[in-house]
N, C-alpha and C. Protein backbone atom coordinates (compact mmCIF):
# COMPACT_ATOMS: atom_id res chain seq x y z
N MET A 1 93.52 90.51 71.51
CA MET A 1 92.40 90.61 72.42
C MET A 1 92.84 90.47 73.82
N LYS A 2 92.29 91.24 74.76
CA LYS A 2 92.61 91.15 76.12
C LYS A 2 91.36 90.69 76.87
N VAL A 3 91.46 89.77 77.82
CA VAL A 3 90.34 89.26 78.55
C VAL A 3 90.68 89.19 80.04
N LEU A 4 89.69 89.45 80.87
CA LEU A 4 89.85 89.23 82.32
C LEU A 4 89.21 87.91 82.62
N LEU A 5 89.89 87.14 83.48
CA LEU A 5 89.41 85.76 83.81
C LEU A 5 88.74 85.77 85.17
N ASP A 6 87.56 85.15 85.24
CA ASP A 6 87.01 84.83 86.53
C ASP A 6 87.85 83.76 87.16
N THR A 7 87.83 83.66 88.47
CA THR A 7 88.72 82.72 89.16
C THR A 7 88.50 81.27 88.71
N HIS A 8 87.22 80.84 88.64
CA HIS A 8 86.95 79.45 88.19
C HIS A 8 87.40 79.21 86.78
N ALA A 9 87.26 80.19 85.90
CA ALA A 9 87.70 80.04 84.50
C ALA A 9 89.19 79.82 84.46
N PHE A 10 89.93 80.62 85.22
CA PHE A 10 91.38 80.50 85.28
C PHE A 10 91.79 79.09 85.76
N LEU A 11 91.20 78.68 86.88
CA LEU A 11 91.58 77.40 87.42
C LEU A 11 91.20 76.24 86.54
N TRP A 12 90.04 76.26 85.93
CA TRP A 12 89.59 75.22 85.04
C TRP A 12 90.48 75.15 83.81
N PHE A 13 90.80 76.32 83.22
CA PHE A 13 91.64 76.37 82.06
C PHE A 13 93.02 75.70 82.38
N MET A 14 93.61 76.12 83.49
CA MET A 14 94.93 75.59 83.85
C MET A 14 94.90 74.12 84.14
N ALA A 15 93.78 73.60 84.62
CA ALA A 15 93.68 72.21 84.97
C ALA A 15 93.14 71.37 83.82
N GLY A 16 92.78 71.97 82.68
CA GLY A 16 92.20 71.21 81.60
C GLY A 16 90.85 70.70 81.91
N ASP A 17 90.13 71.34 82.79
CA ASP A 17 88.83 70.84 83.30
C ASP A 17 87.80 70.98 82.17
N THR A 18 87.02 69.94 81.94
CA THR A 18 85.95 69.93 80.93
C THR A 18 84.82 70.83 81.22
N ARG A 19 84.68 71.38 82.41
CA ARG A 19 83.61 72.29 82.73
C ARG A 19 83.82 73.73 82.02
N LEU A 20 85.03 73.95 81.57
CA LEU A 20 85.29 75.18 80.82
C LEU A 20 84.65 75.00 79.47
N SER A 21 83.93 76.03 79.01
CA SER A 21 83.20 75.90 77.79
C SER A 21 84.20 75.87 76.62
N PRO A 22 83.79 75.21 75.50
CA PRO A 22 84.72 75.21 74.28
C PRO A 22 85.03 76.61 73.84
N LYS A 23 84.05 77.56 73.87
CA LYS A 23 84.28 78.87 73.41
C LYS A 23 85.36 79.61 74.32
N ALA A 24 85.18 79.46 75.62
CA ALA A 24 86.12 80.07 76.56
C ALA A 24 87.46 79.46 76.36
N ARG A 25 87.57 78.16 76.23
CA ARG A 25 88.85 77.51 76.03
C ARG A 25 89.49 78.00 74.73
N LYS A 26 88.77 78.19 73.66
CA LYS A 26 89.29 78.65 72.38
C LYS A 26 89.89 80.03 72.55
N VAL A 27 89.14 80.92 73.21
CA VAL A 27 89.62 82.33 73.38
C VAL A 27 90.86 82.30 74.28
N MET A 28 90.82 81.57 75.40
CA MET A 28 91.95 81.53 76.29
C MET A 28 93.19 80.89 75.67
N SER A 29 93.05 79.97 74.71
CA SER A 29 94.13 79.24 74.11
C SER A 29 94.77 80.03 72.99
N ASP A 30 94.07 81.00 72.43
CA ASP A 30 94.48 81.78 71.34
C ASP A 30 95.79 82.51 71.68
N ALA A 31 96.86 82.36 70.91
CA ALA A 31 98.13 82.98 71.22
C ALA A 31 98.04 84.51 71.15
N ASN A 32 97.02 85.04 70.49
CA ASN A 32 96.84 86.53 70.42
C ASN A 32 96.06 87.08 71.54
N THR A 33 95.55 86.22 72.44
CA THR A 33 94.78 86.66 73.62
C THR A 33 95.68 86.95 74.78
N GLU A 34 95.54 88.13 75.37
CA GLU A 34 96.25 88.46 76.60
C GLU A 34 95.35 88.10 77.78
N LEU A 35 95.79 87.25 78.61
CA LEU A 35 95.02 86.78 79.81
C LEU A 35 95.38 87.60 81.02
N PHE A 36 94.31 88.23 81.62
CA PHE A 36 94.47 88.99 82.82
C PHE A 36 93.70 88.22 83.96
N LEU A 37 94.36 88.14 85.11
CA LEU A 37 93.74 87.61 86.32
C LEU A 37 93.81 88.75 87.39
N SER A 38 92.68 88.93 88.03
CA SER A 38 92.57 89.96 89.06
C SER A 38 93.39 89.54 90.26
N ALA A 39 93.98 90.53 90.94
CA ALA A 39 94.62 90.27 92.25
C ALA A 39 93.56 89.77 93.22
N ALA A 40 92.31 90.11 92.97
CA ALA A 40 91.20 89.62 93.82
C ALA A 40 91.09 88.06 93.64
N SER A 41 91.32 87.57 92.51
CA SER A 41 91.27 86.17 92.26
C SER A 41 92.40 85.43 93.03
N VAL A 42 93.60 86.08 93.06
CA VAL A 42 94.67 85.51 93.76
C VAL A 42 94.33 85.43 95.23
N TRP A 43 93.80 86.51 95.75
CA TRP A 43 93.37 86.60 97.15
C TRP A 43 92.29 85.54 97.44
N GLU A 44 91.30 85.39 96.56
CA GLU A 44 90.31 84.37 96.72
C GLU A 44 90.88 82.95 96.75
N MET A 45 91.81 82.70 95.87
CA MET A 45 92.46 81.41 95.85
C MET A 45 93.27 81.19 97.09
N ALA A 46 93.96 82.18 97.66
CA ALA A 46 94.75 82.01 98.86
C ALA A 46 93.82 81.68 100.01
N ILE A 47 92.66 82.33 100.10
CA ILE A 47 91.72 82.05 101.18
C ILE A 47 91.26 80.61 101.07
N LYS A 48 90.84 80.20 99.84
CA LYS A 48 90.33 78.86 99.65
C LYS A 48 91.41 77.81 99.96
N ALA A 49 92.63 78.04 99.58
CA ALA A 49 93.72 77.13 99.84
C ALA A 49 93.97 77.01 101.37
N ALA A 50 93.90 78.13 102.04
CA ALA A 50 94.11 78.15 103.51
C ALA A 50 93.00 77.33 104.23
N LEU A 51 91.82 77.35 103.65
CA LEU A 51 90.67 76.65 104.23
C LEU A 51 90.64 75.19 103.77
N GLY A 52 91.54 74.82 102.88
CA GLY A 52 91.51 73.42 102.35
C GLY A 52 90.54 73.17 101.25
N ARG A 53 89.90 74.23 100.70
CA ARG A 53 88.95 74.09 99.68
C ARG A 53 89.52 74.19 98.27
N LEU A 54 90.87 74.47 98.17
CA LEU A 54 91.58 74.52 96.90
C LEU A 54 92.91 73.86 97.11
N VAL A 55 93.20 72.91 96.31
CA VAL A 55 94.52 72.22 96.39
C VAL A 55 95.22 72.48 95.08
N LEU A 56 96.43 73.02 95.18
CA LEU A 56 97.30 73.27 94.06
C LEU A 56 98.58 72.49 94.29
N PRO A 57 99.34 72.25 93.26
CA PRO A 57 100.55 71.48 93.43
C PRO A 57 101.64 72.20 94.25
N VAL A 58 101.53 73.50 94.34
CA VAL A 58 102.48 74.35 95.12
C VAL A 58 101.66 75.45 95.79
N SER A 59 102.28 76.30 96.54
CA SER A 59 101.53 77.40 97.19
C SER A 59 100.90 78.31 96.14
N VAL A 60 99.90 79.02 96.57
CA VAL A 60 99.24 79.94 95.59
C VAL A 60 100.23 80.99 95.02
N GLY A 61 101.08 81.47 95.92
CA GLY A 61 102.08 82.42 95.36
C GLY A 61 103.05 81.83 94.32
N ASP A 62 103.48 80.62 94.60
CA ASP A 62 104.34 79.93 93.65
C ASP A 62 103.66 79.61 92.33
N TYR A 63 102.38 79.20 92.52
CA TYR A 63 101.56 78.80 91.36
C TYR A 63 101.32 80.02 90.42
N ILE A 64 100.93 81.12 91.02
CA ILE A 64 100.72 82.33 90.22
C ILE A 64 102.02 82.82 89.63
N ALA A 65 103.04 82.82 90.39
CA ALA A 65 104.39 83.27 89.90
C ALA A 65 104.78 82.53 88.65
N GLY A 66 104.56 81.20 88.66
CA GLY A 66 104.86 80.42 87.45
C GLY A 66 104.01 80.80 86.30
N LYS A 67 102.76 81.08 86.46
CA LYS A 67 101.87 81.50 85.41
C LYS A 67 102.23 82.86 84.84
N VAL A 68 102.65 83.77 85.78
CA VAL A 68 103.11 85.12 85.36
C VAL A 68 104.40 85.00 84.50
N ARG A 69 105.27 84.11 84.88
CA ARG A 69 106.51 83.87 84.08
C ARG A 69 106.12 83.39 82.73
N ASN A 70 104.97 82.70 82.55
CA ASN A 70 104.57 82.17 81.27
C ASN A 70 103.57 83.08 80.52
N GLY A 71 103.46 84.36 80.97
CA GLY A 71 102.70 85.32 80.24
C GLY A 71 101.39 85.78 80.82
N LEU A 72 100.97 85.24 81.93
CA LEU A 72 99.75 85.69 82.57
C LEU A 72 99.97 87.08 83.13
N HIS A 73 99.01 88.00 82.95
CA HIS A 73 99.06 89.34 83.52
C HIS A 73 98.18 89.40 84.76
N ILE A 74 98.73 90.08 85.83
CA ILE A 74 97.91 90.21 87.01
C ILE A 74 97.39 91.69 87.01
N MET A 75 96.06 91.81 87.11
CA MET A 75 95.46 93.13 87.22
C MET A 75 95.36 93.55 88.65
N PRO A 76 96.11 94.60 88.99
CA PRO A 76 96.07 95.06 90.37
C PRO A 76 94.72 95.72 90.71
N ILE A 77 94.38 95.70 91.98
CA ILE A 77 93.16 96.34 92.39
C ILE A 77 93.45 97.80 92.65
N GLU A 78 92.87 98.66 91.82
CA GLU A 78 93.07 100.10 91.91
C GLU A 78 91.92 100.69 92.70
N TRP A 79 92.08 101.86 93.26
CA TRP A 79 91.06 102.45 94.06
C TRP A 79 89.82 102.71 93.21
N ILE A 80 89.99 102.97 91.94
CA ILE A 80 88.80 103.22 91.10
C ILE A 80 87.94 101.92 90.91
N HIS A 81 88.64 100.75 90.94
CA HIS A 81 87.90 99.47 90.84
C HIS A 81 87.11 99.25 92.14
N ALA A 82 87.75 99.44 93.25
CA ALA A 82 87.09 99.25 94.54
C ALA A 82 85.97 100.19 94.73
N ALA A 83 86.11 101.45 94.40
CA ALA A 83 85.06 102.46 94.59
C ALA A 83 83.87 102.15 93.67
N ALA A 84 84.13 101.60 92.51
CA ALA A 84 83.01 101.35 91.54
C ALA A 84 82.05 100.36 92.07
N VAL A 85 82.42 99.50 93.00
CA VAL A 85 81.49 98.51 93.60
C VAL A 85 80.31 99.19 94.26
N GLN A 86 80.51 100.35 94.83
CA GLN A 86 79.46 101.04 95.51
C GLN A 86 78.21 101.28 94.65
N ASP A 87 78.44 101.56 93.37
CA ASP A 87 77.36 101.95 92.51
C ASP A 87 76.77 100.75 91.73
N MET A 88 77.30 99.56 91.94
CA MET A 88 76.79 98.38 91.29
C MET A 88 75.50 97.89 91.93
N PRO A 89 74.53 97.50 91.13
CA PRO A 89 73.36 96.80 91.70
C PRO A 89 73.78 95.55 92.32
N THR A 90 72.97 94.99 93.21
CA THR A 90 73.27 93.77 93.94
C THR A 90 72.77 92.51 93.28
N HIS A 91 73.06 92.39 92.02
CA HIS A 91 72.67 91.13 91.30
C HIS A 91 73.42 89.96 91.91
N HIS A 92 74.57 90.23 92.45
CA HIS A 92 75.45 89.20 92.98
C HIS A 92 76.01 89.72 94.21
N ARG A 93 76.10 88.90 95.28
CA ARG A 93 76.67 89.34 96.55
C ARG A 93 78.11 88.99 96.81
N ASP A 94 78.68 88.06 96.04
CA ASP A 94 80.04 87.61 96.35
C ASP A 94 80.96 88.79 96.07
N PRO A 95 81.71 89.18 97.10
CA PRO A 95 82.59 90.36 96.98
C PRO A 95 83.71 90.19 95.95
N PHE A 96 84.20 88.99 95.79
CA PHE A 96 85.25 88.80 94.80
C PHE A 96 84.68 88.97 93.41
N ASP A 97 83.54 88.34 93.13
CA ASP A 97 82.93 88.50 91.79
C ASP A 97 82.57 89.96 91.52
N ARG A 98 82.07 90.67 92.52
CA ARG A 98 81.65 92.09 92.31
C ARG A 98 82.92 92.90 91.94
N LEU A 99 83.97 92.69 92.61
CA LEU A 99 85.20 93.42 92.31
C LEU A 99 85.76 93.10 90.93
N ILE A 100 85.73 91.80 90.61
CA ILE A 100 86.18 91.40 89.24
C ILE A 100 85.32 92.02 88.18
N VAL A 101 84.01 92.05 88.36
CA VAL A 101 83.12 92.70 87.45
C VAL A 101 83.41 94.19 87.32
N ALA A 102 83.59 94.82 88.46
CA ALA A 102 83.97 96.27 88.42
C ALA A 102 85.26 96.51 87.66
N GLN A 103 86.20 95.66 87.82
CA GLN A 103 87.46 95.75 87.08
C GLN A 103 87.20 95.61 85.55
N ALA A 104 86.45 94.61 85.18
CA ALA A 104 86.17 94.38 83.79
C ALA A 104 85.47 95.58 83.18
N ILE A 105 84.57 96.08 83.89
CA ILE A 105 83.80 97.25 83.36
C ILE A 105 84.72 98.47 83.26
N ALA A 106 85.46 98.77 84.32
CA ALA A 106 86.34 99.96 84.35
C ALA A 106 87.40 99.86 83.30
N GLU A 107 87.91 98.62 83.04
CA GLU A 107 89.00 98.46 82.09
C GLU A 107 88.48 98.13 80.66
N ASN A 108 87.14 98.08 80.57
CA ASN A 108 86.51 97.77 79.24
C ASN A 108 87.03 96.43 78.68
N LEU A 109 87.10 95.40 79.50
CA LEU A 109 87.49 94.10 79.10
C LEU A 109 86.39 93.09 79.14
N PRO A 110 86.28 92.17 78.18
CA PRO A 110 85.39 91.07 78.35
C PRO A 110 85.78 90.19 79.51
N LEU A 111 84.82 89.64 80.20
CA LEU A 111 85.09 88.69 81.32
C LEU A 111 84.78 87.28 80.87
N VAL A 112 85.73 86.40 81.08
CA VAL A 112 85.56 84.93 80.88
C VAL A 112 85.01 84.36 82.16
N SER A 113 83.75 83.99 82.08
CA SER A 113 83.10 83.43 83.24
C SER A 113 81.87 82.63 82.89
N GLY A 114 81.66 81.52 83.59
CA GLY A 114 80.47 80.73 83.42
C GLY A 114 79.32 81.18 84.28
N ASN A 115 79.51 82.22 85.03
CA ASN A 115 78.49 82.69 85.93
C ASN A 115 77.59 83.66 85.12
N ARG A 116 76.48 83.14 84.58
CA ARG A 116 75.57 83.93 83.70
C ARG A 116 74.96 85.09 84.45
N LEU A 117 74.85 85.03 85.75
CA LEU A 117 74.27 86.10 86.52
C LEU A 117 75.10 87.39 86.36
N LEU A 118 76.32 87.31 86.15
CA LEU A 118 77.15 88.46 85.92
C LEU A 118 76.81 89.28 84.71
N LYS A 119 76.14 88.64 83.69
CA LYS A 119 75.74 89.33 82.44
C LYS A 119 74.75 90.50 82.79
N LYS A 120 74.08 90.39 83.94
CA LYS A 120 73.16 91.49 84.29
C LYS A 120 73.86 92.81 84.56
N TYR A 121 75.15 92.74 84.72
CA TYR A 121 75.95 94.01 84.90
C TYR A 121 76.26 94.69 83.61
N GLY A 122 75.87 94.13 82.47
CA GLY A 122 76.01 94.81 81.21
C GLY A 122 77.41 94.71 80.63
N LEU A 123 78.22 93.78 81.12
CA LEU A 123 79.50 93.65 80.53
C LEU A 123 79.51 92.52 79.46
N THR A 124 80.58 92.44 78.69
CA THR A 124 80.69 91.36 77.77
C THR A 124 81.16 90.12 78.44
N LEU A 125 80.38 89.05 78.40
CA LEU A 125 80.70 87.81 79.04
C LEU A 125 81.03 86.80 78.02
N ILE A 126 82.22 86.11 78.19
CA ILE A 126 82.61 85.08 77.23
C ILE A 126 82.38 83.75 77.95
N TRP A 127 81.58 82.88 77.38
CA TRP A 127 81.46 81.49 77.84
C TRP A 127 80.93 80.69 76.78
């Protein structure tokens, strides 16, 4: 199974945070699950780290590089993903979430996210 991770789901999973649902943790922990993180999430994390709203043990670049070495896949932002945002209803205004949703839809991947509002986009949401 392949899944795309919302930024908070990725961070909570890596930190062992109890806010991650048991179902999400089970899917993400399964050795047969391929975890994908959007480049948009890396960008979002870098912005938050620069503003002091996200603290990681190393720089965002080093943190993600370590996760990639351990099997995490980074989903690049393709033009088709960015263009798809234009046709999306405005159920949600956060540009990072909208792009991640567009990627999940375009790539036909379930999205691991606790943001129930994203379900309105008609994608498979795991939580």
